[in-house]
C-alpha atoms as a PDB file:
ATOM      1  CA  MET A   1     -39.442 -70.311 115.587  1.00  0.00           C
ATOM      2  CA  ASP A   2     -36.240 -68.518 116.597  1.00  0.00           C
ATOM      3  CA  ILE A   3     -36.269 -64.831 117.381  1.00  0.00           C
ATOM      4  CA  ASP A   4     -34.485 -63.697 114.189  1.00  0.00           C
ATOM      5  CA  ARG A   5     -37.035 -65.412 111.945  1.00  0.00           C
ATOM      6  CA  TYR A   6     -39.826 -64.037 114.138  1.00  0.00           C
ATOM      7  CA  VAL A   7     -38.572 -60.458 113.713  1.00  0.00           C
ATOM      8  CA  ILE A   8     -37.992 -60.821 109.960  1.00  0.00           C
ATOM      9  CA  ARG A   9     -41.423 -62.358 109.450  1.00  0.00           C
ATOM     10  CA  ASN A  10     -43.281 -59.578 111.294  1.00  0.00           C
ATOM     11  CA  SER A  11     -41.128 -56.465 110.878  1.00  0.00           C
ATOM     12  CA  THR A  12     -43.079 -55.220 107.830  1.00  0.00           C
ATOM     13  CA  MET A  13     -46.346 -55.434 109.757  1.00  0.00           C
ATOM     14  CA  TRP A  14     -44.843 -53.607 112.739  1.00  0.00           C
ATOM     15  CA  ALA A  15     -43.519 -50.864 110.486  1.00  0.00           C
ATOM     16  CA  ARG A  16     -46.985 -50.489 108.957  1.00  0.00           C
ATOM     17  CA  LEU A  17     -48.533 -50.217 112.427  1.00  0.00           C
ATOM     18  CA  ALA A  18     -46.025 -47.489 113.354  1.00  0.00           C
ATOM     19  CA  GLU A  19     -46.831 -45.612 110.135  1.00  0.00           C
ATOM     20  CA  LEU A  20     -50.593 -45.744 110.637  1.00  0.00           C
ATOM     21  CA  THR A  21     -50.238 -44.764 114.285  1.00  0.00           C
ATOM     22  CA  ALA A  22     -48.193 -41.688 113.358  1.00  0.00           C
ATOM     23  CA  ARG A  23     -50.745 -40.633 110.758  1.00  0.00           C
ATOM     24  CA  ALA A  24     -53.639 -41.156 113.196  1.00  0.00           C
ATOM     25  CA  ARG A  25     -52.301 -38.653 115.726  1.00  0.00           C
ATOM     26  CA  PRO A  26     -54.387 -35.451 116.045  1.00  0.00           C
ATOM     27  CA  ARG A  27     -51.717 -33.141 114.636  1.00  0.00           C
ATOM     28  CA  ALA A  28     -50.695 -35.366 111.733  1.00  0.00           C
ATOM     29  CA  LYS A  29     -50.931 -33.683 108.316  1.00  0.00           C
ATOM     30  CA  GLN A  30     -52.365 -36.785 106.637  1.00  0.00           C
ATOM     31  CA  GLY A  31     -55.134 -38.635 108.422  1.00  0.00           C
ATOM     32  CA  LEU A  32     -56.441 -42.135 107.860  1.00  0.00           C
ATOM     33  CA  ALA A  33     -59.109 -43.356 105.506  1.00  0.00           C
ATOM     34  CA  ALA A  34     -61.858 -45.556 106.944  1.00  0.00           C
ATOM     35  CA  THR A  35     -60.200 -48.715 105.609  1.00  0.00           C
ATOM     36  CA  GLU A  36     -56.867 -47.655 107.114  1.00  0.00           C
ATOM     37  CA  THR A  37     -58.518 -47.089 110.499  1.00  0.00           C
ATOM     38  CA  ASP A  38     -59.830 -50.641 110.386  1.00  0.00           C
ATOM     39  CA  GLU A  39     -56.346 -51.805 109.399  1.00  0.00           C
ATOM     40  CA  LEU A  40     -54.835 -49.903 112.330  1.00  0.00           C
ATOM     41  CA  VAL A  41     -57.184 -51.586 114.806  1.00  0.00           C
ATOM     42  CA  SER A  42     -56.472 -55.008 113.294  1.00  0.00           C
ATOM     43  CA  LEU A  43     -52.707 -54.516 113.404  1.00  0.00           C
ATOM     44  CA  TYR A  44     -52.958 -53.230 116.967  1.00  0.00           C
ATOM     45  CA  GLN A  45     -54.799 -56.365 118.044  1.00  0.00           C
ATOM     46  CA  ARG A  46     -52.368 -58.673 116.242  1.00  0.00           C
ATOM     47  CA  THR A  47     -49.319 -56.900 117.667  1.00  0.00           C
ATOM     48  CA  SER A  48     -50.805 -57.039 121.169  1.00  0.00           C
ATOM     49  CA  ALA A  49     -51.088 -60.803 120.814  1.00  0.00           C
ATOM     50  CA  GLN A  50     -47.517 -60.972 119.482  1.00  0.00           C
ATOM     51  CA  LEU A  51     -46.297 -58.952 122.456  1.00  0.00           C
ATOM     52  CA  ALA A  52     -47.848 -61.507 124.810  1.00  0.00           C
ATOM     53  CA  HIS A  53     -46.233 -64.309 122.795  1.00  0.00           C
ATOM     54  CA  SER A  54     -42.840 -62.571 122.812  1.00  0.00           C
ATOM     55  CA  ARG A  55     -42.902 -62.023 126.562  1.00  0.00           C
ATOM     56  CA  THR A  56     -43.745 -65.682 127.094  1.00  0.00           C
ATOM     57  CA  TYR A  57     -41.305 -67.341 124.711  1.00  0.00           C
ATOM     58  CA  PHE A  58     -38.516 -64.807 124.081  1.00  0.00           C
ATOM     59  CA  SER A  59     -36.241 -63.177 126.663  1.00  0.00           C
ATOM     60  CA  ASP A  60     -35.110 -60.372 124.370  1.00  0.00           C
ATOM     61  CA  GLU A  61     -35.756 -57.160 126.288  1.00  0.00           C
ATOM     62  CA  GLY A  62     -35.251 -54.954 123.257  1.00  0.00           C
ATOM     63  CA  LEU A  63     -37.858 -56.792 121.193  1.00  0.00           C
ATOM     64  CA  ASN A  64     -40.364 -56.711 124.054  1.00  0.00           C
ATOM     65  CA  ALA A  65     -39.735 -53.002 124.610  1.00  0.00           C
ATOM     66  CA  HIS A  66     -40.188 -52.292 120.886  1.00  0.00           C
ATOM     67  CA  LEU A  67     -43.487 -54.162 120.725  1.00  0.00           C
ATOM     68  CA  THR A  68     -44.683 -52.512 123.928  1.00  0.00           C
ATOM     69  CA  THR A  69     -43.950 -49.102 122.420  1.00  0.00           C
ATOM     70  CA  LEU A  70     -45.895 -49.947 119.256  1.00  0.00           C
ATOM     71  CA  VAL A  71     -48.875 -51.280 121.218  1.00  0.00           C
ATOM     72  CA  ALA A  72     -48.930 -48.360 123.668  1.00  0.00           C
ATOM     73  CA  ASP A  73     -48.718 -45.742 120.905  1.00  0.00           C
ATOM     74  CA  ALA A  74     -51.482 -47.433 118.904  1.00  0.00           C
ATOM     75  CA  HIS A  75     -53.635 -47.772 122.023  1.00  0.00           C
ATOM     76  CA  ALA A  76     -53.246 -44.044 122.693  1.00  0.00           C
ATOM     77  CA  VAL A  77     -54.504 -43.001 119.252  1.00  0.00           C
ATOM     78  CA  ILE A  78     -57.297 -45.610 119.144  1.00  0.00           C
ATOM     79  CA  HIS A  79     -58.683 -45.117 122.636  1.00  0.00           C
ATOM     80  CA  GLY A  80     -57.529 -41.564 123.262  1.00  0.00           C
ATOM     81  CA  ALA A  81     -54.492 -40.278 125.133  1.00  0.00           C
ATOM     82  CA  PRO A  82     -54.587 -40.284 128.931  1.00  0.00           C
ATOM     83  CA  PRO A  83     -55.227 -36.972 130.664  1.00  0.00           C
ATOM     84  CA  VAL A  84     -52.278 -34.711 131.279  1.00  0.00           C
ATOM     85  CA  ARG A  85     -50.866 -35.346 134.748  1.00  0.00           C
ATOM     86  CA  GLY A  86     -49.299 -32.911 137.117  1.00  0.00           C
ATOM     87  CA  THR A  87     -45.614 -32.556 137.820  1.00  0.00           C
ATOM     88  CA  PHE A  88     -45.821 -34.516 141.051  1.00  0.00           C
ATOM     89  CA  SER A  89     -47.580 -37.431 139.356  1.00  0.00           C
ATOM     90  CA  ALA A  90     -45.057 -37.467 136.514  1.00  0.00           C
ATOM     91  CA  ALA A  91     -42.158 -37.448 138.973  1.00  0.00           C
ATOM     92  CA  ALA A  92     -43.751 -40.254 140.959  1.00  0.00           C
ATOM     93  CA  ASP A  93     -44.122 -42.338 137.793  1.00  0.00           C
ATOM     94  CA  PHE A  94     -40.523 -41.630 136.846  1.00  0.00           C
ATOM     95  CA  PHE A  95     -39.067 -42.825 140.148  1.00  0.00           C
ATOM     96  CA  SER A  96     -41.536 -45.659 140.714  1.00  0.00           C
ATOM     97  CA  THR A  97     -41.411 -47.095 137.208  1.00  0.00           C
ATOM     98  CA  ALA A  98     -39.259 -45.520 134.494  1.00  0.00           C
ATOM     99  CA  PHE A  99     -35.955 -45.172 136.351  1.00  0.00           C
ATOM    100  CA  PRO A 100     -35.881 -48.571 138.116  1.00  0.00           C
ATOM    101  CA  ARG A 101     -37.104 -50.301 134.955  1.00  0.00           C
ATOM    102  CA  GLU A 102     -34.263 -48.833 132.889  1.00  0.00           C
ATOM    103  CA  VAL A 103     -31.708 -49.720 135.561  1.00  0.00           C
ATOM    104  CA  TRP A 104     -33.016 -53.301 135.611  1.00  0.00           C
ATOM    105  CA  ALA A 105     -32.918 -53.478 131.807  1.00  0.00           C
ATOM    106  CA  CYS A 106     -29.277 -52.323 131.960  1.00  0.00           C
ATOM    107  CA  ARG A 107     -28.217 -55.019 134.443  1.00  0.00           C
ATOM    108  CA  ARG A 108     -25.740 -56.757 132.125  1.00  0.00           C
ATOM    109  CA  PHE A 109     -23.903 -53.494 131.565  1.00  0.00           C
ATOM    110  CA  ILE A 110     -24.050 -52.845 135.315  1.00  0.00           C
ATOM    111  CA  ALA A 111     -22.282 -56.165 135.899  1.00  0.00           C
ATOM    112  CA  ALA A 112     -19.562 -55.164 133.422  1.00  0.00           C
ATOM    113  CA  SER A 113     -19.235 -51.697 134.965  1.00  0.00           C
ATOM    114  CA  ALA A 114     -18.983 -53.159 138.479  1.00  0.00           C
ATOM    115  CA  ALA A 115     -16.243 -55.518 137.355  1.00  0.00           C
ATOM    116  CA  LEU A 116     -14.285 -52.656 135.786  1.00  0.00           C
ATOM    117  CA  LEU A 117     -14.460 -50.652 139.028  1.00  0.00           C
ATOM    118  CA  PHE A 118     -14.180 -53.263 141.767  1.00  0.00           C
ATOM    119  CA  VAL A 119     -11.853 -55.883 140.288  1.00  0.00           C
ATOM    120  CA  PRO A 120      -8.880 -53.490 140.082  1.00  0.00           C
ATOM    121  CA  ALA A 121      -9.865 -51.987 143.448  1.00  0.00           C
ATOM    122  CA  LEU A 122      -9.813 -55.380 145.167  1.00  0.00           C
ATOM    123  CA  ALA A 123      -6.769 -56.662 143.308  1.00  0.00           C
ATOM    124  CA  LEU A 124      -4.643 -53.562 143.862  1.00  0.00           C
ATOM    125  CA  GLY A 125      -5.868 -53.142 147.422  1.00  0.00           C
ATOM    126  CA  ALA A 126      -4.998 -56.732 148.330  1.00  0.00           C
ATOM    127  CA  TRP A 127      -1.584 -56.427 146.672  1.00  0.00           C
ATOM    128  CA  LEU A 128      -0.634 -53.170 148.382  1.00  0.00           C
ATOM    129  CA  ALA A 129      -1.988 -54.351 151.723  1.00  0.00           C
ATOM    130  CA  THR A 130       0.364 -57.353 151.697  1.00  0.00           C
ATOM    131  CA  SER A 131       3.401 -56.012 149.838  1.00  0.00           C
ATOM    132  CA  PRO A 132       5.456 -53.153 151.336  1.00  0.00           C
ATOM    133  CA  GLU A 133       7.585 -53.047 148.190  1.00  0.00           C
ATOM    134  CA  ALA A 134       4.565 -52.557 145.948  1.00  0.00           C
ATOM    135  CA  LEU A 135       3.236 -49.883 148.297  1.00  0.00           C
ATOM    136  CA  ARG A 136       6.502 -47.944 148.130  1.00  0.00           C
ATOM    137  CA  VAL A 137       6.394 -48.015 144.331  1.00  0.00           C
ATOM    138  CA  ALA A 138       2.721 -47.072 144.091  1.00  0.00           C
ATOM    139  CA  MET A 139       2.720 -44.194 146.575  1.00  0.00           C
ATOM    140  CA  PRO A 140       5.529 -41.898 147.817  1.00  0.00           C
ATOM    141  CA  ALA A 141       6.264 -42.134 151.537  1.00  0.00           C
ATOM    142  CA  GLU A 142       5.277 -38.505 152.102  1.00  0.00           C
ATOM    143  CA  GLN A 143       1.853 -39.077 150.562  1.00  0.00           C
ATOM    144  CA  GLN A 144       1.381 -42.210 152.652  1.00  0.00           C
ATOM    145  CA  ARG A 145       2.137 -40.332 155.880  1.00  0.00           C
ATOM    146  CA  ALA A 146      -0.139 -37.430 154.941  1.00  0.00           C
ATOM    147  CA  LEU A 147      -3.070 -39.741 154.243  1.00  0.00           C
ATOM    148  CA  LEU A 148      -2.535 -41.850 157.326  1.00  0.00           C
ATOM    149  CA  ASP A 149      -1.896 -38.982 159.733  1.00  0.00           C
ATOM    150  CA  SER A 150      -4.793 -36.681 158.919  1.00  0.00           C
ATOM    151  CA  GLU A 151      -5.411 -35.849 155.274  1.00  0.00           C
ATOM    152  CA  PHE A 152      -7.957 -38.579 154.561  1.00  0.00           C
ATOM    153  CA  ARG A 153      -9.816 -38.177 157.862  1.00  0.00           C
ATOM    154  CA  ASP A 154      -9.757 -34.373 157.825  1.00  0.00           C
ATOM    155  CA  TYR A 155     -11.147 -34.281 154.287  1.00  0.00           C
ATOM    156  CA  TYR A 156     -14.632 -35.087 155.587  1.00  0.00           C
ATOM    157  CA  SER A 157     -14.632 -32.235 158.085  1.00  0.00           C
ATOM    158  CA  SER A 158     -12.677 -29.701 156.037  1.00  0.00           C
ATOM    159  CA  ARG A 159     -15.760 -27.518 155.452  1.00  0.00           C
ATOM    160  CA  PRO A 160     -19.145 -26.910 157.060  1.00  0.00           C
ATOM    161  CA  ALA A 161     -21.427 -29.891 156.518  1.00  0.00           C
ATOM    162  CA  ALA A 162     -23.883 -28.162 154.171  1.00  0.00           C
ATOM    163  CA  GLU A 163     -21.122 -26.676 152.019  1.00  0.00           C
ATOM    164  CA  PHE A 164     -19.196 -29.948 151.932  1.00  0.00           C
ATOM    165  CA  SER A 165     -22.325 -31.915 151.022  1.00  0.00           C
ATOM    166  CA  SER A 166     -23.045 -29.532 148.142  1.00  0.00           C
ATOM    167  CA  GLN A 167     -19.462 -29.820 146.897  1.00  0.00           C
ATOM    168  CA  VAL A 168     -19.585 -33.617 147.005  1.00  0.00           C
ATOM    169  CA  LEU A 169     -22.928 -33.672 145.188  1.00  0.00           C
ATOM    170  CA  THR A 170     -21.570 -31.493 142.387  1.00  0.00           C
ATOM    171  CA  ASN A 171     -18.453 -33.629 142.020  1.00  0.00           C
ATOM    172  CA  ASN A 172     -20.400 -36.891 141.930  1.00  0.00           C
ATOM    173  CA  ILE A 173     -22.811 -35.584 139.318  1.00  0.00           C
ATOM    174  CA  GLN A 174     -19.878 -34.485 137.167  1.00  0.00           C
ATOM    175  CA  VAL A 175     -18.284 -37.934 137.457  1.00  0.00           C
ATOM    176  CA  SER A 176     -21.558 -39.663 136.534  1.00  0.00           C
ATOM    177  CA  PHE A 177     -22.132 -37.451 133.489  1.00  0.00           C
ATOM    178  CA  LEU A 178     -18.533 -38.021 132.433  1.00  0.00           C
ATOM    179  CA  ALA A 179     -18.855 -41.801 132.797  1.00  0.00           C
ATOM    180  CA  PHE A 180     -22.048 -41.658 130.723  1.00  0.00           C
ATOM    181  CA  ALA A 181     -20.861 -39.252 128.033  1.00  0.00           C
ATOM    182  CA  LEU A 182     -17.526 -40.968 127.479  1.00  0.00           C
ATOM    183  CA  GLY A 183     -19.365 -44.091 126.387  1.00  0.00           C
ATOM    184  CA  ILE A 184     -19.677 -42.496 122.953  1.00  0.00           C
ATOM    185  CA  GLY A 185     -16.060 -43.549 122.419  1.00  0.00           C
ATOM    186  CA  PHE A 186     -17.030 -47.193 121.803  1.00  0.00           C
ATOM    187  CA  CYS A 187     -16.983 -47.924 125.569  1.00  0.00           C
ATOM    188  CA  VAL A 188     -13.206 -47.441 125.923  1.00  0.00           C
ATOM    189  CA  PRO A 189     -13.070 -44.051 127.737  1.00  0.00           C
ATOM    190  CA  THR A 190     -15.811 -45.082 130.167  1.00  0.00           C
ATOM    191  CA  ALA A 191     -14.000 -48.342 130.884  1.00  0.00           C
ATOM    192  CA  LEU A 192     -10.718 -46.488 131.494  1.00  0.00           C
ATOM    193  CA  LEU A 193     -12.442 -44.036 133.846  1.00  0.00           C
ATOM    194  CA  LEU A 194     -13.907 -46.894 135.880  1.00  0.00           C
ATOM    195  CA  LEU A 195     -10.541 -48.686 135.985  1.00  0.00           C
ATOM    196  CA  PHE A 196      -8.790 -45.500 137.111  1.00  0.00           C
ATOM    197  CA  ASN A 197     -11.258 -44.816 139.909  1.00  0.00           C
ATOM    198  CA  GLY A 198     -11.131 -48.444 140.987  1.00  0.00           C
ATOM    199  CA  ALA A 199      -7.342 -48.318 141.156  1.00  0.00           C
ATOM    200  CA  ASN A 200      -7.438 -45.155 143.272  1.00  0.00           C
ATOM    201  CA  LEU A 201      -9.926 -46.727 145.656  1.00  0.00           C
ATOM    202  CA  GLY A 202      -7.843 -49.865 145.927  1.00  0.00           C
ATOM    203  CA  ALA A 203      -4.641 -47.917 146.540  1.00  0.00           C
ATOM    204  CA  ALA A 204      -6.153 -45.963 149.425  1.00  0.00           C
ATOM    205  CA  GLY A 205      -7.723 -49.056 150.942  1.00  0.00           C
ATOM    206  CA  GLY A 206      -4.517 -51.061 150.594  1.00  0.00           C
ATOM    207  CA  LEU A 207      -2.532 -48.338 152.345  1.00  0.00           C
ATOM    208  CA  PHE A 208      -4.854 -48.170 155.354  1.00  0.00           C
ATOM    209  CA  VAL A 209      -5.166 -51.950 155.687  1.00  0.00           C
ATOM    210  CA  HIS A 210      -1.389 -52.343 155.431  1.00  0.00           C
ATOM    211  CA  SER A 211      -0.944 -49.762 158.202  1.00  0.00           C
ATOM    212  CA  GLY A 212      -3.496 -51.437 160.481  1.00  0.00           C
ATOM    213  CA  GLN A 213      -6.061 -48.670 160.026  1.00  0.00           C
ATOM    214  CA  GLY A 214      -8.502 -50.512 157.815  1.00  0.00           C
ATOM    215  CA  GLY A 215     -11.297 -49.996 160.317  1.00  0.00           C
ATOM    216  CA  GLU A 216     -10.949 -46.219 160.101  1.00  0.00           C
ATOM    217  CA  PHE A 217     -10.847 -46.307 156.300  1.00  0.00           C
ATOM    218  CA  PHE A 218     -13.974 -48.409 155.887  1.00  0.00           C
ATOM    219  CA  GLY A 219     -15.713 -46.534 158.683  1.00  0.00           C
ATOM    220  CA  LEU A 220     -15.316 -43.338 156.665  1.00  0.00           C
ATOM    221  CA  ILE A 221     -15.995 -44.816 153.223  1.00  0.00           C
ATOM    222  CA  LEU A 222     -18.942 -47.138 153.771  1.00  0.00           C
ATOM    223  CA  PRO A 223     -21.605 -44.734 155.170  1.00  0.00           C
ATOM    224  CA  HIS A 224     -21.875 -42.783 151.926  1.00  0.00           C
ATOM    225  CA  GLY A 225     -19.689 -44.896 149.644  1.00  0.00           C
ATOM    226  CA  LEU A 226     -22.028 -47.849 149.232  1.00  0.00           C
ATOM    227  CA  LEU A 227     -24.723 -45.785 147.509  1.00  0.00           C
ATOM    228  CA  GLU A 228     -22.210 -43.455 145.881  1.00  0.00           C
ATOM    229  CA  LEU A 229     -20.157 -46.233 144.284  1.00  0.00           C
ATOM    230  CA  THR A 230     -23.301 -48.096 143.250  1.00  0.00           C
ATOM    231  CA  SER A 231     -24.528 -44.957 141.502  1.00  0.00           C
ATOM    232  CA  ILE A 232     -21.190 -44.456 139.735  1.00  0.00           C
ATOM    233  CA  VAL A 233     -21.290 -48.075 138.572  1.00  0.00           C
ATOM    234  CA  ILE A 234     -24.793 -47.552 137.159  1.00  0.00           C
ATOM    235  CA  ALA A 235     -23.710 -44.328 135.438  1.00  0.00           C
ATOM    236  CA  GLY A 236     -20.782 -46.219 133.939  1.00  0.00           C
ATOM    237  CA  ALA A 237     -23.212 -48.897 132.752  1.00  0.00           C
ATOM    238  CA  ALA A 238     -25.265 -46.228 130.982  1.00  0.00           C
ATOM    239  CA  GLY A 239     -22.092 -45.113 129.215  1.00  0.00           C
ATOM    240  CA  LEU A 240     -21.179 -48.670 128.262  1.00  0.00           C
ATOM    241  CA  ARG A 241     -24.648 -49.205 126.794  1.00  0.00           C
ATOM    242  CA  LEU A 242     -24.171 -46.032 124.769  1.00  0.00           C
ATOM    243  CA  GLY A 243     -20.872 -47.297 123.393  1.00  0.00           C
ATOM    244  CA  TRP A 244     -22.221 -50.784 122.766  1.00  0.00           C
ATOM    245  CA  ALA A 245     -24.956 -49.319 120.586  1.00  0.00           C
ATOM    246  CA  LEU A 246     -22.179 -48.165 118.250  1.00  0.00           C
ATOM    247  CA  ILE A 247     -20.304 -51.468 118.407  1.00  0.00           C
ATOM    248  CA  ALA A 248     -23.321 -53.744 117.926  1.00  0.00           C
ATOM    249  CA  PRO A 249     -26.304 -51.750 116.580  1.00  0.00           C
ATOM    250  CA  GLY A 250     -28.153 -54.870 115.439  1.00  0.00           C
ATOM    251  CA  ASP A 251     -30.487 -54.364 112.484  1.00  0.00           C
ATOM    252  CA  ARG A 252     -30.575 -50.588 112.958  1.00  0.00           C
ATOM    253  CA  THR A 253     -28.180 -47.947 111.751  1.00  0.00           C
ATOM    254  CA  ARG A 254     -25.582 -46.815 114.284  1.00  0.00           C
ATOM    255  CA  GLY A 255     -27.309 -43.443 114.468  1.00  0.00           C
ATOM    256  CA  GLU A 256     -30.665 -45.014 115.321  1.00  0.00           C
ATOM    257  CA  ALA A 257     -29.126 -47.372 117.872  1.00  0.00           C
ATOM    258  CA  LEU A 258     -27.159 -44.542 119.473  1.00  0.00           C
ATOM    259  CA  ALA A 259     -30.199 -42.257 119.672  1.00  0.00           C
ATOM    260  CA  ASP A 260     -32.267 -44.989 121.296  1.00  0.00           C
ATOM    261  CA  ALA A 261     -29.537 -45.960 123.783  1.00  0.00           C
ATOM    262  CA  GLY A 262     -28.985 -42.286 124.558  1.00  0.00           C
ATOM    263  CA  ARG A 263     -32.644 -41.657 125.383  1.00  0.00           C
ATOM    264  CA  ARG A 264     -32.820 -44.715 127.618  1.00  0.00           C
ATOM    265  CA  SER A 265     -29.511 -43.978 129.337  1.00  0.00           C
ATOM    266  CA  VAL A 266     -30.479 -40.370 130.032  1.00  0.00           C
ATOM    267  CA  THR A 267     -33.396 -41.755 132.076  1.00  0.00           C
ATOM    268  CA  ILE A 268     -30.834 -43.548 134.234  1.00  0.00           C
ATOM    269  CA  VAL A 269     -28.523 -40.562 134.610  1.00  0.00           C
ATOM    270  CA  LEU A 270     -31.382 -38.264 135.601  1.00  0.00           C
ATOM    271  CA  GLY A 271     -32.596 -40.743 138.198  1.00  0.00           C
ATOM    272  CA  LEU A 272     -29.109 -41.038 139.636  1.00  0.00           C
ATOM    273  CA  MET A 273     -29.190 -37.360 140.561  1.00  0.00           C
ATOM    274  CA  ALA A 274     -31.508 -38.223 143.455  1.00  0.00           C
ATOM    275  CA  CYS A 275     -29.145 -40.994 144.553  1.00  0.00           C
ATOM    276  CA  PHE A 276     -26.218 -38.597 144.580  1.00  0.00           C
ATOM    277  CA  VAL A 277     -28.229 -36.097 146.624  1.00  0.00           C
ATOM    278  CA  VAL A 278     -28.785 -38.777 149.271  1.00  0.00           C
ATOM    279  CA  ALA A 279     -25.138 -39.880 149.173  1.00  0.00           C
ATOM    280  CA  GLY A 280     -23.989 -36.255 149.433  1.00  0.00           C
ATOM    281  CA  ILE A 281     -26.190 -35.626 152.470  1.00  0.00           C
ATOM    282  CA  ILE A 282     -24.779 -38.726 154.188  1.00  0.00           C
ATOM    283  CA  GLU A 283     -21.213 -37.748 153.328  1.00  0.00           C
ATOM    284  CA  GLY A 284     -21.703 -34.211 154.565  1.00  0.00           C
ATOM    285  CA  PHE A 285     -23.629 -34.903 157.755  1.00  0.00           C
ATOM    286  CA  VAL A 286     -23.196 -38.567 158.780  1.00  0.00           C
ATOM    287  CA  THR A 287     -19.671 -39.571 157.727  1.00  0.00           C
ATOM    288  CA  PRO A 288     -17.873 -36.812 159.698  1.00  0.00           C
ATOM    289  CA  SER A 289     -20.304 -36.931 162.627  1.00  0.00           C
ATOM    290  CA  GLY A 290     -19.496 -38.111 166.119  1.00  0.00           C
ATOM    291  CA  LEU A 291     -21.687 -41.190 165.779  1.00  0.00           C
ATOM    292  CA  PRO A 292     -20.036 -44.542 166.530  1.00  0.00           C
ATOM    293  CA  THR A 293     -18.492 -46.187 163.487  1.00  0.00           C
ATOM    294  CA  LEU A 294     -20.991 -49.036 163.573  1.00  0.00           C
ATOM    295  CA  ALA A 295     -23.917 -46.597 163.555  1.00  0.00           C
ATOM    296  CA  ARG A 296     -22.487 -44.655 160.625  1.00  0.00           C
ATOM    297  CA  VAL A 297     -21.844 -47.817 158.636  1.00  0.00           C
ATOM    298  CA  LEU A 298     -25.343 -49.042 159.439  1.00  0.00           C
ATOM    299  CA  VAL A 299     -26.776 -45.882 157.860  1.00  0.00           C
ATOM    300  CA  GLY A 300     -24.884 -46.688 154.660  1.00  0.00           C
ATOM    301  CA  VAL A 301     -25.910 -50.342 154.654  1.00  0.00           C
ATOM    302  CA  MET A 302     -29.591 -49.542 155.239  1.00  0.00           C
ATOM    303  CA  THR A 303     -29.559 -46.941 152.461  1.00  0.00           C
ATOM    304  CA  GLU A 304     -27.909 -49.372 150.040  1.00  0.00           C
ATOM    305  CA  VAL A 305     -30.328 -52.175 150.900  1.00  0.00           C
ATOM    306  CA  ALA A 306     -33.289 -49.838 150.385  1.00  0.00           C
ATOM    307  CA  PHE A 307     -31.930 -48.745 146.998  1.00  0.00           C
ATOM    308  CA  ILE A 308     -31.318 -52.298 145.783  1.00  0.00           C
ATOM    309  CA  ALA A 309     -34.741 -53.430 147.005  1.00  0.00           C
ATOM    310  CA  TRP A 310     -36.309 -50.507 145.153  1.00  0.00           C
ATOM    311  CA  ILE A 311     -34.527 -51.342 141.879  1.00  0.00           C
ATOM    312  CA  LEU A 312     -35.170 -55.069 142.102  1.00  0.00           C
ATOM    313  CA  GLY A 313     -38.778 -54.708 143.190  1.00  0.00           C
ATOM    314  CA  ARG A 314     -39.893 -51.896 140.925  1.00  0.00           C
ATOM    315  CA  GLY A 315     -37.552 -52.541 137.993  1.00  0.00           C
ATOM    316  CA  ARG A 316     -38.146 -56.250 137.659  1.00  0.00           C
ATOM    317  CA  GLY A 317     -41.848 -55.841 138.380  1.00  0.00           C
ATOM    318  CA  ALA A 318     -42.247 -53.146 135.725  1.00  0.00           C
ATOM    319  CA  GLY A 319     -41.133 -55.528 132.994  1.00  0.00           C
ATOM    320  CA  THR A 320     -39.523 -54.362 129.790  1.00  0.00           C
ATOM    321  CA  GLY A 321     -42.008 -51.806 128.585  1.00  0.00           C
ATOM    322  CA  ILE A 322     -41.529 -48.151 127.877  1.00  0.00           C
ATOM    323  CA  ALA A 323     -39.253 -46.355 130.263  1.00  0.00           C
ATOM    324  CA  GLY A 324     -38.911 -42.690 129.599  1.00  0.00           C
ATOM    325  CA  ASP A 325     -38.433 -42.723 125.837  1.00  0.00           C
ATOM    326  CA  ALA A 326     -37.275 -46.276 125.587  1.00  0.00           C
ATOM    327  CA  GLY A 327     -36.737 -47.963 122.309  1.00  0.00           C
ATOM    328  CA  THR A 328     -35.224 -51.286 121.381  1.00  0.00           C
ATOM    329  CA  ASP A 329     -32.037 -52.962 122.493  1.00  0.00           C
ATOM    330  CA  TRP A 330     -31.639 -55.391 119.616  1.00  0.00           C
END
């Protein structure tokens, strides 16, 4: 049976399970009759079996997440809700499960976001690095000299480390929220923002490589930039998912699809705040430090590897269940 027929065949039963679950909650105005309680338990058991079947035979993350939500909610009202956990425990669950799981579930949008940022960066950088004529058109000679002589290098030591780190953190958070929020425009504004930032990155890199100072450029960018750019790409992916919910809402209304994508994407954006804190600390204290270039770059590489290992290990291992307030991605 294909997935569309599977959903059509069982959607009425799933809707009934959601209805009974809502009415069985302690604060619900209308409770359940004895026969309805038996029906709730039966539907819970059947949907649990269907969830196992779906995870085995279907690769649709949205369907699996939807069924997991139904089963978890029904389990909570049948067996009792888990005890309230402290703030530390909730934060630990968020960073160990919810955030990496949502990032992993968003991987296709991450691939699109990365392409929008890095393809123009690499293309423009390679062009400017090998074409003096293109470089003259893209960037006035005065701006080239300013960047090469001191402006780019001095930027990282223009303020005390703590103040500079705080400024960078604020700027990166603003960029990530902008990349996310602009997705509401059917993906177009988010895509343009990523293209623009990629072009700026490529222009700066092309200038330094063309002038024989590529080592200095990458020595200043890579320590903090690996994690920082990865985080911006993920924020852009959250925005693209938001816009895609409007373009292709599936069998839901656009409002329902947008609300669901928004809740799931907010989980990502909130988790990225911690990533930007780390990137800001590196940019404020490591990038402008007197450490050898190789040591500074190694800090960035190790941080990036740790982040990717965390997302791959925890996100993929957590499956496609509830993350934050996750819904479906049909």
